Amino acid sequence: MRDTERDGEALRDDPVVRSKMANLHTEAEGGSRHGAQVRHRGGEGGERRQGRKDFQPPTVAASEYKLFATEYSVRLANASMDIAGPGTQMRVRTDDAPMEGRAESTYRYTVIDTIGGGASEIQRNIIARRGLGLPKNF
């Protein structure tokens, strides 16, 4: 973003791009903190409690984090393709592709990420039923 230009204008000076980048940065920071909390509750800080009968793994928090992380990666990939323009549709290692084609590759893999490890819809169901106490057929 610092060195890239579009139509002769630096992207870093575009208010729409700056706003998108600020939002994505803010979301990344919140997600990082949420991920640290899940790791602490389930693993790093929870291993002393795991042998106890009253230990409950943080399944709802883990589902929330997985859903956030994969949906965030979709938003990030979309933003990179929107900001860098049509050239981002070129494949990885294409000479003229912006960001060496990483935007296109990332965009394709975000579809896989929303399915692998439990589809986003499954994560939403876990959150709804276990976290919010909603009935099975809501």
N, C-alpha and C. Protein backbone atom coordinates (compact mmCIF):
# COMPACT_ATOMS: atom_id res chain seq x y z
N MET A 1 0.82 -1.19 0.00
CA MET A 1 0.00 0.00 0.00
C MET A 1 0.87 1.26 0.00
N ARG A 2 2.00 1.20 0.65
CA ARG A 2 2.83 2.40 0.76
C ARG A 2 3.39 2.86 -0.58
N ASP A 3 3.74 1.88 -1.43
CA ASP A 3 4.43 2.21 -2.68
C ASP A 3 3.59 2.00 -3.93
N THR A 4 2.37 1.53 -3.80
CA THR A 4 1.56 1.19 -4.97
C THR A 4 0.74 2.39 -5.43
N GLU A 5 0.68 2.53 -6.74
CA GLU A 5 -0.11 3.60 -7.33
C GLU A 5 -1.18 3.01 -8.23
N ARG A 6 -2.29 3.72 -8.32
CA ARG A 6 -3.36 3.37 -9.25
C ARG A 6 -3.78 4.67 -9.93
N ASP A 7 -3.76 4.65 -11.24
CA ASP A 7 -4.09 5.83 -12.04
C ASP A 7 -3.24 7.04 -11.64
N GLY A 8 -1.98 6.78 -11.33
CA GLY A 8 -1.05 7.85 -11.00
C GLY A 8 -1.15 8.39 -9.59
N GLU A 9 -2.05 7.84 -8.79
CA GLU A 9 -2.24 8.30 -7.40
C GLU A 9 -1.81 7.20 -6.44
N ALA A 10 -1.14 7.59 -5.37
CA ALA A 10 -0.72 6.63 -4.36
C ALA A 10 -1.95 6.07 -3.64
N LEU A 11 -2.00 4.76 -3.51
CA LEU A 11 -3.14 4.14 -2.83
C LEU A 11 -3.24 4.59 -1.37
N ARG A 12 -2.10 4.85 -0.77
CA ARG A 12 -2.11 5.25 0.65
C ARG A 12 -2.82 6.59 0.86
N ASP A 13 -2.99 7.37 -0.21
CA ASP A 13 -3.65 8.66 -0.10
C ASP A 13 -5.15 8.60 -0.40
N ASP A 14 -5.63 7.45 -0.85
CA ASP A 14 -7.04 7.29 -1.20
C ASP A 14 -7.85 7.09 0.09
N PRO A 15 -8.82 7.95 0.38
CA PRO A 15 -9.57 7.83 1.64
C PRO A 15 -10.37 6.54 1.76
N VAL A 16 -10.87 6.02 0.65
CA VAL A 16 -11.62 4.76 0.70
C VAL A 16 -10.68 3.61 1.06
N VAL A 17 -9.51 3.59 0.45
CA VAL A 17 -8.52 2.55 0.75
C VAL A 17 -8.07 2.67 2.20
N ARG A 18 -7.81 3.86 2.65
CA ARG A 18 -7.36 4.06 4.04
C ARG A 18 -8.43 3.57 5.03
N SER A 19 -9.69 3.85 4.71
CA SER A 19 -10.78 3.42 5.58
C SER A 19 -10.86 1.89 5.62
N LYS A 20 -10.78 1.25 4.45
CA LYS A 20 -10.81 -0.22 4.41
C LYS A 20 -9.65 -0.80 5.20
N MET A 21 -8.47 -0.24 5.01
CA MET A 21 -7.29 -0.75 5.71
C MET A 21 -7.42 -0.58 7.22
N ALA A 22 -7.95 0.55 7.65
CA ALA A 22 -8.14 0.79 9.08
C ALA A 22 -9.13 -0.20 9.67
N ASN A 23 -10.23 -0.45 8.95
CA ASN A 23 -11.22 -1.42 9.43
C ASN A 23 -10.63 -2.82 9.51
N LEU A 24 -9.90 -3.22 8.48
CA LEU A 24 -9.29 -4.55 8.49
C LEU A 24 -8.26 -4.69 9.60
N HIS A 25 -7.49 -3.64 9.83
CA HIS A 25 -6.50 -3.66 10.90
C HIS A 25 -7.17 -3.79 12.26
N THR A 26 -8.24 -3.05 12.45
CA THR A 26 -8.97 -3.10 13.72
C THR A 26 -9.55 -4.50 13.95
N GLU A 27 -10.15 -5.07 12.91
CA GLU A 27 -10.69 -6.43 13.02
C GLU A 27 -9.60 -7.44 13.33
N ALA A 28 -8.44 -7.29 12.68
CA ALA A 28 -7.33 -8.22 12.92
C ALA A 28 -6.86 -8.16 14.36
N GLU A 29 -6.80 -6.97 14.91
CA GLU A 29 -6.37 -6.81 16.30
C GLU A 29 -7.36 -7.46 17.26
N GLY A 30 -8.65 -7.24 17.03
CA GLY A 30 -9.67 -7.88 17.86
C GLY A 30 -9.64 -9.39 17.73
N GLY A 31 -9.46 -9.88 16.52
CA GLY A 31 -9.38 -11.32 16.29
C GLY A 31 -8.17 -11.94 16.96
N SER A 32 -7.07 -11.24 16.93
CA SER A 32 -5.86 -11.73 17.58
C SER A 32 -6.07 -11.89 19.09
N ARG A 33 -6.71 -10.93 19.68
CA ARG A 33 -6.98 -11.00 21.12
C ARG A 33 -7.97 -12.12 21.45
N HIS A 34 -8.98 -12.28 20.61
CA HIS A 34 -9.95 -13.36 20.82
C HIS A 34 -9.26 -14.71 20.70
N GLY A 35 -8.40 -14.87 19.69
CA GLY A 35 -7.66 -16.12 19.52
C GLY A 35 -6.78 -16.44 20.72
N ALA A 36 -6.13 -15.42 21.26
CA ALA A 36 -5.29 -15.62 22.44
C ALA A 36 -6.13 -16.08 23.63
N GLN A 37 -7.32 -15.52 23.77
CA GLN A 37 -8.21 -15.92 24.87
C GLN A 37 -8.65 -17.38 24.71
N VAL A 38 -8.99 -17.78 23.49
CA VAL A 38 -9.41 -19.17 23.25
C VAL A 38 -8.26 -20.12 23.54
N ARG A 39 -7.07 -19.79 23.08
CA ARG A 39 -5.90 -20.65 23.35
C ARG A 39 -5.64 -20.77 24.84
N HIS A 40 -5.77 -19.67 25.55
CA HIS A 40 -5.53 -19.70 26.99
C HIS A 40 -6.56 -20.58 27.70
N ARG A 41 -7.82 -20.42 27.36
CA ARG A 41 -8.88 -21.18 28.02
C ARG A 41 -8.84 -22.66 27.68
N GLY A 42 -8.44 -23.00 26.47
CA GLY A 42 -8.50 -24.39 26.05
C GLY A 42 -7.21 -25.16 26.13
N GLY A 43 -6.10 -24.47 26.03
CA GLY A 43 -4.85 -25.21 25.95
C GLY A 43 -3.80 -24.66 26.87
N GLU A 44 -3.22 -23.55 26.47
CA GLU A 44 -2.06 -23.01 27.18
C GLU A 44 -2.35 -22.78 28.66
N GLY A 45 -3.49 -22.23 29.00
CA GLY A 45 -3.82 -22.00 30.41
C GLY A 45 -4.72 -23.07 30.98
N GLY A 46 -5.28 -23.90 30.11
CA GLY A 46 -6.26 -24.87 30.56
C GLY A 46 -5.72 -26.26 30.81
N GLU A 47 -4.44 -26.51 30.46
CA GLU A 47 -3.96 -27.88 30.60
C GLU A 47 -3.95 -28.38 32.04
N ARG A 48 -3.81 -27.48 32.99
CA ARG A 48 -3.85 -27.88 34.40
C ARG A 48 -5.25 -28.33 34.80
N ARG A 49 -6.26 -27.79 34.10
CA ARG A 49 -7.64 -28.12 34.44
C ARG A 49 -8.19 -29.28 33.62
N GLN A 50 -7.51 -29.67 32.54
CA GLN A 50 -8.09 -30.65 31.63
C GLN A 50 -8.31 -32.02 32.26
N GLY A 51 -7.54 -32.39 33.25
CA GLY A 51 -7.73 -33.67 33.90
C GLY A 51 -8.87 -33.65 34.92
N ARG A 52 -9.37 -32.51 35.25
CA ARG A 52 -10.43 -32.39 36.24
C ARG A 52 -11.79 -32.65 35.61
N LYS A 53 -12.70 -33.16 36.42
CA LYS A 53 -14.05 -33.49 35.93
C LYS A 53 -14.83 -32.24 35.52
N ASP A 54 -14.53 -31.11 36.14
CA ASP A 54 -15.30 -29.90 35.85
C ASP A 54 -14.76 -29.11 34.66
N PHE A 55 -13.69 -29.61 34.01
CA PHE A 55 -13.13 -28.89 32.86
C PHE A 55 -14.06 -28.98 31.66
N GLN A 56 -14.38 -27.85 31.07
CA GLN A 56 -15.18 -27.79 29.86
C GLN A 56 -14.36 -27.09 28.77
N PRO A 57 -14.07 -27.79 27.68
CA PRO A 57 -13.32 -27.11 26.61
C PRO A 57 -14.14 -25.95 26.05
N PRO A 58 -13.48 -24.90 25.61
CA PRO A 58 -14.20 -23.71 25.14
C PRO A 58 -14.74 -23.88 23.72
N THR A 59 -15.69 -24.80 23.55
CA THR A 59 -16.18 -25.10 22.20
C THR A 59 -16.89 -23.93 21.56
N VAL A 60 -17.67 -23.18 22.32
CA VAL A 60 -18.38 -22.03 21.75
C VAL A 60 -17.37 -20.95 21.37
N ALA A 61 -16.45 -20.66 22.24
CA ALA A 61 -15.43 -19.64 21.94
C ALA A 61 -14.58 -20.06 20.75
N ALA A 62 -14.25 -21.35 20.66
CA ALA A 62 -13.47 -21.84 19.52
C ALA A 62 -14.26 -21.71 18.23
N SER A 63 -15.55 -22.00 18.28
CA SER A 63 -16.40 -21.83 17.09
C SER A 63 -16.50 -20.36 16.70
N GLU A 64 -16.64 -19.49 17.69
CA GLU A 64 -16.69 -18.06 17.40
C GLU A 64 -15.40 -17.60 16.72
N TYR A 65 -14.27 -18.07 17.25
CA TYR A 65 -12.99 -17.67 16.68
C TYR A 65 -12.79 -18.23 15.28
N LYS A 66 -13.13 -19.50 15.07
CA LYS A 66 -12.99 -20.11 13.75
C LYS A 66 -13.86 -19.38 12.75
N LEU A 67 -15.09 -19.08 13.12
CA LEU A 67 -16.00 -18.35 12.24
C LEU A 67 -15.44 -16.97 11.93
N PHE A 68 -14.99 -16.27 12.96
CA PHE A 68 -14.42 -14.94 12.73
C PHE A 68 -13.22 -15.01 11.80
N ALA A 69 -12.28 -15.90 12.09
CA ALA A 69 -11.04 -15.96 11.33
C ALA A 69 -11.27 -16.26 9.86
N THR A 70 -12.15 -17.21 9.58
CA THR A 70 -12.37 -17.55 8.17
C THR A 70 -13.17 -16.47 7.45
N GLU A 71 -14.14 -15.89 8.12
CA GLU A 71 -14.91 -14.81 7.49
C GLU A 71 -14.04 -13.57 7.32
N TYR A 72 -13.13 -13.34 8.25
CA TYR A 72 -12.19 -12.22 8.12
C TYR A 72 -11.27 -12.45 6.92
N SER A 73 -10.81 -13.67 6.73
CA SER A 73 -9.93 -13.94 5.59
C SER A 73 -10.65 -13.68 4.28
N VAL A 74 -11.95 -13.95 4.23
CA VAL A 74 -12.74 -13.65 3.03
C VAL A 74 -12.78 -12.13 2.82
N ARG A 75 -13.05 -11.37 3.89
CA ARG A 75 -13.09 -9.92 3.77
C ARG A 75 -11.74 -9.34 3.35
N LEU A 76 -10.67 -9.91 3.89
CA LEU A 76 -9.32 -9.47 3.55
C LEU A 76 -9.00 -9.75 2.08
N ALA A 77 -9.34 -10.95 1.62
CA ALA A 77 -9.10 -11.30 0.21
C ALA A 77 -9.92 -10.43 -0.71
N ASN A 78 -11.18 -10.20 -0.36
CA ASN A 78 -12.04 -9.32 -1.17
C ASN A 78 -11.46 -7.91 -1.25
N ALA A 79 -11.01 -7.40 -0.12
CA ALA A 79 -10.45 -6.05 -0.09
C ALA A 79 -9.19 -5.97 -0.94
N SER A 80 -8.33 -6.98 -0.86
CA SER A 80 -7.11 -6.93 -1.66
C SER A 80 -7.43 -6.93 -3.15
N MET A 81 -8.44 -7.68 -3.54
CA MET A 81 -8.82 -7.71 -4.95
C MET A 81 -9.50 -6.41 -5.36
N ASP A 82 -10.32 -5.85 -4.49
CA ASP A 82 -10.98 -4.58 -4.80
C ASP A 82 -9.97 -3.44 -4.92
N ILE A 83 -9.05 -3.38 -3.99
CA ILE A 83 -8.10 -2.27 -3.94
C ILE A 83 -7.10 -2.35 -5.10
N ALA A 84 -6.57 -3.52 -5.34
CA ALA A 84 -5.51 -3.64 -6.36
C ALA A 84 -6.06 -3.72 -7.78
N GLY A 85 -7.35 -3.95 -7.93
CA GLY A 85 -7.96 -3.88 -9.25
C GLY A 85 -7.96 -5.18 -10.03
N PRO A 86 -8.33 -5.10 -11.32
CA PRO A 86 -8.53 -6.29 -12.15
C PRO A 86 -7.30 -7.18 -12.29
N GLY A 87 -6.12 -6.61 -12.18
CA GLY A 87 -4.90 -7.41 -12.32
C GLY A 87 -4.76 -8.48 -11.25
N THR A 88 -5.48 -8.33 -10.14
CA THR A 88 -5.38 -9.32 -9.06
C THR A 88 -6.01 -10.66 -9.44
N GLN A 89 -6.71 -10.69 -10.56
CA GLN A 89 -7.29 -11.96 -11.00
C GLN A 89 -6.27 -12.84 -11.71
N MET A 90 -5.07 -12.32 -11.94
CA MET A 90 -4.02 -13.12 -12.56
C MET A 90 -3.47 -14.13 -11.56
N ARG A 91 -3.10 -15.28 -12.07
CA ARG A 91 -2.63 -16.37 -11.22
C ARG A 91 -1.29 -16.05 -10.55
N VAL A 92 -0.98 -16.83 -9.53
CA VAL A 92 0.29 -16.71 -8.81
C VAL A 92 1.45 -16.87 -9.79
N ARG A 93 2.48 -16.09 -9.55
CA ARG A 93 3.72 -16.08 -10.35
C ARG A 93 3.52 -15.59 -11.78
N THR A 94 2.44 -14.89 -12.03
CA THR A 94 2.27 -14.23 -13.33
C THR A 94 3.07 -12.94 -13.25
N ASP A 95 3.89 -12.69 -14.27
CA ASP A 95 4.82 -11.55 -14.23
C ASP A 95 4.15 -10.21 -13.93
N ASP A 96 3.03 -9.94 -14.55
CA ASP A 96 2.38 -8.64 -14.40
C ASP A 96 1.36 -8.57 -13.26
N ALA A 97 1.18 -9.65 -12.54
CA ALA A 97 0.14 -9.68 -11.50
C ALA A 97 0.56 -8.84 -10.29
N PRO A 98 -0.34 -7.98 -9.81
CA PRO A 98 -0.05 -7.24 -8.58
C PRO A 98 0.15 -8.22 -7.42
N MET A 99 1.03 -7.88 -6.53
CA MET A 99 1.33 -8.71 -5.35
C MET A 99 1.73 -10.13 -5.74
N GLU A 100 2.35 -10.25 -6.93
CA GLU A 100 2.83 -11.54 -7.44
C GLU A 100 1.72 -12.58 -7.53
N GLY A 101 0.48 -12.14 -7.67
CA GLY A 101 -0.64 -13.05 -7.81
C GLY A 101 -1.17 -13.62 -6.51
N ARG A 102 -0.63 -13.17 -5.40
CA ARG A 102 -1.07 -13.72 -4.10
C ARG A 102 -2.52 -13.41 -3.81
N ALA A 103 -3.03 -12.30 -4.31
CA ALA A 103 -4.43 -11.94 -4.04
C ALA A 103 -5.37 -12.99 -4.63
N GLU A 104 -5.10 -13.41 -5.84
CA GLU A 104 -5.95 -14.41 -6.51
C GLU A 104 -5.89 -15.73 -5.77
N SER A 105 -4.71 -16.13 -5.39
CA SER A 105 -4.52 -17.39 -4.67
C SER A 105 -5.23 -17.35 -3.31
N THR A 106 -5.04 -16.26 -2.60
CA THR A 106 -5.69 -16.10 -1.29
C THR A 106 -7.20 -16.13 -1.43
N TYR A 107 -7.70 -15.44 -2.45
CA TYR A 107 -9.14 -15.40 -2.69
C TYR A 107 -9.70 -16.81 -2.89
N ARG A 108 -9.01 -17.63 -3.70
CA ARG A 108 -9.48 -19.00 -3.94
C ARG A 108 -9.45 -19.83 -2.67
N TYR A 109 -8.42 -19.69 -1.86
CA TYR A 109 -8.31 -20.51 -0.66
C TYR A 109 -9.28 -20.12 0.43
N THR A 110 -9.80 -18.89 0.41
CA THR A 110 -10.75 -18.51 1.45
C THR A 110 -12.03 -19.34 1.36
N VAL A 111 -12.38 -19.76 0.16
CA VAL A 111 -13.56 -20.62 0.00
C VAL A 111 -13.32 -21.94 0.72
N ILE A 112 -12.15 -22.50 0.56
CA ILE A 112 -11.80 -23.76 1.22
C ILE A 112 -11.79 -23.57 2.74
N ASP A 113 -11.23 -22.45 3.19
CA ASP A 113 -11.12 -22.20 4.63
C ASP A 113 -12.47 -22.12 5.32
N THR A 114 -13.49 -21.61 4.63
CA THR A 114 -14.80 -21.49 5.26
C THR A 114 -15.49 -22.85 5.39
N ILE A 115 -14.95 -23.87 4.72
CA ILE A 115 -15.51 -25.22 4.79
C ILE A 115 -14.66 -26.12 5.66
N GLY A 116 -13.35 -26.10 5.46
CA GLY A 116 -12.43 -26.96 6.21
C GLY A 116 -12.46 -26.67 7.70
N GLY A 117 -12.40 -27.71 8.51
CA GLY A 117 -12.41 -27.55 9.95
C GLY A 117 -13.78 -27.25 10.51
N GLY A 118 -14.81 -27.42 9.70
CA GLY A 118 -16.18 -27.14 10.12
C GLY A 118 -16.71 -25.94 9.38
N ALA A 119 -17.67 -26.16 8.54
CA ALA A 119 -18.22 -25.09 7.72
C ALA A 119 -18.74 -23.95 8.59
N SER A 120 -18.75 -22.76 8.02
CA SER A 120 -19.22 -21.58 8.75
C SER A 120 -20.64 -21.79 9.28
N GLU A 121 -21.48 -22.47 8.51
CA GLU A 121 -22.85 -22.72 8.95
C GLU A 121 -22.87 -23.62 10.19
N ILE A 122 -21.99 -24.60 10.22
CA ILE A 122 -21.88 -25.48 11.41
C ILE A 122 -21.44 -24.65 12.61
N GLN A 123 -20.46 -23.78 12.42
CA GLN A 123 -19.98 -22.95 13.53
C GLN A 123 -21.10 -22.05 14.05
N ARG A 124 -21.89 -21.51 13.14
CA ARG A 124 -23.02 -20.67 13.55
C ARG A 124 -24.05 -21.48 14.35
N ASN A 125 -24.28 -22.73 13.94
CA ASN A 125 -25.20 -23.59 14.69
C ASN A 125 -24.67 -23.88 16.09
N ILE A 126 -23.39 -24.14 16.21
CA ILE A 126 -22.79 -24.40 17.53
C ILE A 126 -22.96 -23.17 18.42
N ILE A 127 -22.67 -22.01 17.87
CA ILE A 127 -22.81 -20.76 18.64
C ILE A 127 -24.26 -20.55 19.04
N ALA A 128 -25.18 -20.76 18.11
CA ALA A 128 -26.61 -20.54 18.40
C ALA A 128 -27.12 -21.50 19.46
N ARG A 129 -26.79 -22.78 19.31
CA ARG A 129 -27.36 -23.77 20.23
C ARG A 129 -26.64 -23.80 21.57
N ARG A 130 -25.31 -23.88 21.54
CA ARG A 130 -24.57 -24.00 22.81
C ARG A 130 -24.34 -22.67 23.49
N GLY A 131 -24.06 -21.64 22.70
CA GLY A 131 -23.75 -20.35 23.28
C GLY A 131 -24.96 -19.51 23.62
N LEU A 132 -25.95 -19.55 22.73
CA LEU A 132 -27.14 -18.70 22.93
C LEU A 132 -28.33 -19.48 23.44
N GLY A 133 -28.23 -20.82 23.47
CA GLY A 133 -29.32 -21.65 23.98
C GLY A 133 -30.53 -21.71 23.09
N LEU A 134 -30.36 -21.46 21.79
CA LEU A 134 -31.49 -21.51 20.88
C LEU A 134 -31.84 -22.97 20.58
N PRO A 135 -33.11 -23.23 20.27
CA PRO A 135 -33.52 -24.60 19.98
C PRO A 135 -32.91 -25.10 18.65
N LYS A 136 -32.97 -26.40 18.47
CA LYS A 136 -32.39 -27.04 17.28
C LYS A 136 -32.97 -26.47 16.01
N ASN A 137 -34.26 -26.31 15.93
CA ASN A 137 -34.91 -25.78 14.74
C ASN A 137 -35.28 -24.32 14.98
N PHE A 138 -34.34 -23.45 14.77
CA PHE A 138 -34.60 -22.03 15.00
C PHE A 138 -34.81 -21.30 13.73
